[in-house]
Amino acid sequence: MSRWAETFAALSGDSDTVDTLRRNAEPISSVSHSVNSVTAPPERATAPPPLPVAECAFATRREAEEESAAIVEYDGKIPRAWAEGFARLHPDRPPGDVPARRWSQFVEDCGRFLDCGWAERAASLGWGPLDLFGCDRERPFARVDQAGFLWLLNGDELVELDRHMVVIERRTGARQRFRRRPVAVGDIALAWELVAER
């Protein structure tokens, strides 16, 4: 797992967000203060009324996404929009026709791409987010011809990237070249837009 994926998993903590919020909303029953062996009565704190649990969970998730994006942007020196988009990808929530295992691998590949400095290089060479993270809006997995090159990694290693192409080394040792092609704006969506539509 990439360092970004581990950071995002730790920040989002989806499994117990609601329970944590409920526990934190309960007031502390009593607090005692002692000074020179004299116990003072507990002070009564007035807490603001708690937000509904659904609103708290959404706010917590959004804060985690923003924090994750800031970390990626600062550490990885990549465009903020890419960092924010990646922060919204959850490895256990695939969109559309994407199998769970393949989606998890895509999220991992995106994390490695950001982690290893390739994103900064791609941005400096003029690669846009649709060139990298783009996919067909209706059938992201089936329409490989509409896929950005990160969808094509599938766990293999990116070894070369220039203004017009990428080279991927497969597990077998074979190297495949993929040429950058014009993007059909409107037909292609970013992976994180599909997550938002669900």
Foldseek 3Di string as FASTA:
>chain_A
DFPLLVLLCVQLVPPCLLVVLVVVQDDDDFDWDDDPNDIDGGDDDDDDHDDPSVVSNVVSLQVSLQVSLVVLCVVQVADSVLSSLLSLQDLQDAFAPDDSVLSNLLSVLSSVCSRVNVRVVCVVLPDDQQLAQKAFLHHRVVPPVSGRCSSVQSVWAWDDDHNFWTWTQDPVRDIDIDTRDDHPPPRIDGRSVRVVVD
